[in-house]
C-alpha atoms as a PDB file:
ATOM      1  CA  UNK A   1       1.813  10.181   0.716  1.00  0.00           C
ATOM      2  CA  UNK A   2       3.140  13.549  -0.383  1.00  0.00           C
ATOM      3  CA  UNK A   3       4.795  14.160  -3.739  1.00  0.00           C
ATOM      4  CA  UNK A   4       6.589  17.231  -5.079  1.00  0.00           C
ATOM      5  CA  UNK A   5       7.205  17.759  -8.769  1.00  0.00           C
ATOM      6  CA  UNK A   6      10.478  19.106 -10.140  1.00  0.00           C
ATOM      7  CA  UNK A   7       8.869  22.518 -10.630  1.00  0.00           C
ATOM      8  CA  UNK A   8       8.581  22.911  -6.822  1.00  0.00           C
ATOM      9  CA  UNK A   9      12.303  23.626  -6.493  1.00  0.00           C
ATOM     10  CA  UNK A  10      11.940  26.335  -3.834  1.00  0.00           C
ATOM     11  CA  UNK A  11       9.607  24.232  -1.690  1.00  0.00           C
ATOM     12  CA  UNK A  12      11.963  21.251  -1.934  1.00  0.00           C
ATOM     13  CA  UNK A  13      14.905  23.480  -0.985  1.00  0.00           C
ATOM     14  CA  UNK A  14      13.081  25.008   2.005  1.00  0.00           C
ATOM     15  CA  UNK A  15      11.715  21.716   3.339  1.00  0.00           C
ATOM     16  CA  UNK A  16      15.132  20.060   3.005  1.00  0.00           C
ATOM     17  CA  UNK A  17      16.885  22.881   4.871  1.00  0.00           C
ATOM     18  CA  UNK A  18      14.289  23.372   7.634  1.00  0.00           C
ATOM     19  CA  UNK A  19      15.633  23.213  11.197  1.00  0.00           C
ATOM     20  CA  UNK A  20      13.772  22.397  14.418  1.00  0.00           C
ATOM     21  CA  UNK A  21      13.435  25.016  17.111  1.00  0.00           C
ATOM     22  CA  UNK A  22      15.740  24.240  20.055  1.00  0.00           C
ATOM     23  CA  UNK A  23      13.043  25.081  22.628  1.00  0.00           C
ATOM     24  CA  UNK A  24      10.096  23.503  20.791  1.00  0.00           C
ATOM     25  CA  UNK A  25      11.201  20.326  18.969  1.00  0.00           C
ATOM     26  CA  UNK A  26       7.780  19.910  17.300  1.00  0.00           C
ATOM     27  CA  UNK A  27       8.063  23.362  15.679  1.00  0.00           C
ATOM     28  CA  UNK A  28      10.365  24.897  13.086  1.00  0.00           C
ATOM     29  CA  UNK A  29      12.966  27.524  13.800  1.00  0.00           C
ATOM     30  CA  UNK A  30      11.305  30.761  12.688  1.00  0.00           C
ATOM     31  CA  UNK A  31      14.644  32.510  12.140  1.00  0.00           C
ATOM     32  CA  UNK A  32      15.050  30.692   8.826  1.00  0.00           C
ATOM     33  CA  UNK A  33      12.945  30.684   5.693  1.00  0.00           C
ATOM     34  CA  UNK A  34       9.810  28.738   6.612  1.00  0.00           C
ATOM     35  CA  UNK A  35       7.036  30.076   4.377  1.00  0.00           C
ATOM     36  CA  UNK A  36       7.073  27.093   2.016  1.00  0.00           C
ATOM     37  CA  UNK A  37       7.052  24.681   4.983  1.00  0.00           C
ATOM     38  CA  UNK A  38       4.030  26.491   6.418  1.00  0.00           C
ATOM     39  CA  UNK A  39       2.263  26.254   3.059  1.00  0.00           C
ATOM     40  CA  UNK A  40       2.858  22.493   2.902  1.00  0.00           C
ATOM     41  CA  UNK A  41       1.657  22.083   6.497  1.00  0.00           C
ATOM     42  CA  UNK A  42      -1.544  24.056   5.837  1.00  0.00           C
ATOM     43  CA  UNK A  43      -2.192  22.154   2.612  1.00  0.00           C
ATOM     44  CA  UNK A  44      -1.842  18.788   4.385  1.00  0.00           C
ATOM     45  CA  UNK A  45      -4.038  19.877   7.310  1.00  0.00           C
ATOM     46  CA  UNK A  46      -6.765  21.131   4.991  1.00  0.00           C
ATOM     47  CA  UNK A  47      -7.246  17.642   3.525  1.00  0.00           C
ATOM     48  CA  UNK A  48      -6.522  15.106   6.288  1.00  0.00           C
ATOM     49  CA  UNK A  49      -6.124  11.458   5.355  1.00  0.00           C
ATOM     50  CA  UNK A  50      -9.228   9.396   6.152  1.00  0.00           C
ATOM     51  CA  UNK A  51      -8.407   5.729   6.582  1.00  0.00           C
ATOM     52  CA  UNK A  52     -11.837   4.278   7.366  1.00  0.00           C
ATOM     53  CA  UNK A  53     -14.926   5.553   5.670  1.00  0.00           C
ATOM     54  CA  UNK A  54     -18.079   5.397   7.796  1.00  0.00           C
ATOM     55  CA  UNK A  55     -20.254   2.476   6.859  1.00  0.00           C
ATOM     56  CA  UNK A  56     -23.632   3.063   5.327  1.00  0.00           C
ATOM     57  CA  UNK A  57     -26.423   2.522   7.837  1.00  0.00           C
ATOM     58  CA  UNK A  58     -28.887  -0.189   6.862  1.00  0.00           C
ATOM     59  CA  UNK A  59     -32.274   0.861   5.673  1.00  0.00           C
ATOM     60  CA  UNK A  60     -35.035  -0.579   7.848  1.00  0.00           C
ATOM     61  CA  UNK A  61     -38.247  -1.218   5.984  1.00  0.00           C
ATOM     62  CA  UNK A  62     -41.698  -1.405   7.469  1.00  0.00           C
ATOM     63  CA  UNK A  63     -44.644  -3.232   5.965  1.00  0.00           C
ATOM     64  CA  UNK A  64     -47.415  -1.131   4.475  1.00  0.00           C
ATOM     65  CA  UNK A  65     -50.003  -2.421   6.905  1.00  0.00           C
ATOM     66  CA  UNK A  66     -48.206  -1.920  10.224  1.00  0.00           C
ATOM     67  CA  UNK A  67     -51.432  -0.864  11.888  1.00  0.00           C
ATOM     68  CA  UNK A  68     -53.246  -4.053  10.900  1.00  0.00           C
ATOM     69  CA  UNK A  69     -50.513  -6.420  12.166  1.00  0.00           C
ATOM     70  CA  UNK A  70     -50.773  -8.450  15.354  1.00  0.00           C
ATOM     71  CA  UNK A  71     -48.241  -8.105  18.162  1.00  0.00           C
ATOM     72  CA  UNK A  72     -46.560 -11.387  17.147  1.00  0.00           C
ATOM     73  CA  UNK A  73     -46.277 -10.189  13.539  1.00  0.00           C
ATOM     74  CA  UNK A  74     -44.615  -6.953  14.693  1.00  0.00           C
ATOM     75  CA  UNK A  75     -42.133  -8.842  16.892  1.00  0.00           C
ATOM     76  CA  UNK A  76     -41.264 -11.213  14.032  1.00  0.00           C
ATOM     77  CA  UNK A  77     -40.809  -8.275  11.659  1.00  0.00           C
ATOM     78  CA  UNK A  78     -38.569  -6.432  14.140  1.00  0.00           C
ATOM     79  CA  UNK A  79     -36.480  -9.579  14.671  1.00  0.00           C
ATOM     80  CA  UNK A  80     -35.882  -9.910  10.916  1.00  0.00           C
ATOM     81  CA  UNK A  81     -34.813  -6.249  10.657  1.00  0.00           C
ATOM     82  CA  UNK A  82     -32.491  -6.626  13.668  1.00  0.00           C
ATOM     83  CA  UNK A  83     -30.788  -9.625  12.062  1.00  0.00           C
ATOM     84  CA  UNK A  84     -30.300  -7.661   8.822  1.00  0.00           C
ATOM     85  CA  UNK A  85     -28.839  -4.765  10.795  1.00  0.00           C
ATOM     86  CA  UNK A  86     -26.397  -7.027  12.678  1.00  0.00           C
ATOM     87  CA  UNK A  87     -25.256  -8.660   9.430  1.00  0.00           C
ATOM     88  CA  UNK A  88     -24.374  -5.279   7.959  1.00  0.00           C
ATOM     89  CA  UNK A  89     -22.389  -4.233  11.014  1.00  0.00           C
END
């Protein structure tokens, strides 16, 4: 998911010749030229890949006359909204 153009010749050279540190295999050997590798690492970490976007939460609507409804009407209305919410999840 990372592409380098031909004009990035120094970055391509540095990344291709980078060596791992003998004591820390997850890190680069800092004795060599590693500035371009650090730049690539910081660029990738600044924009991490997001695989799953959060889903939009359903909008729950209430009737205009909530205060004039009976208890049974409110329960029926809540049940309809719950079913809509479960369908969207």
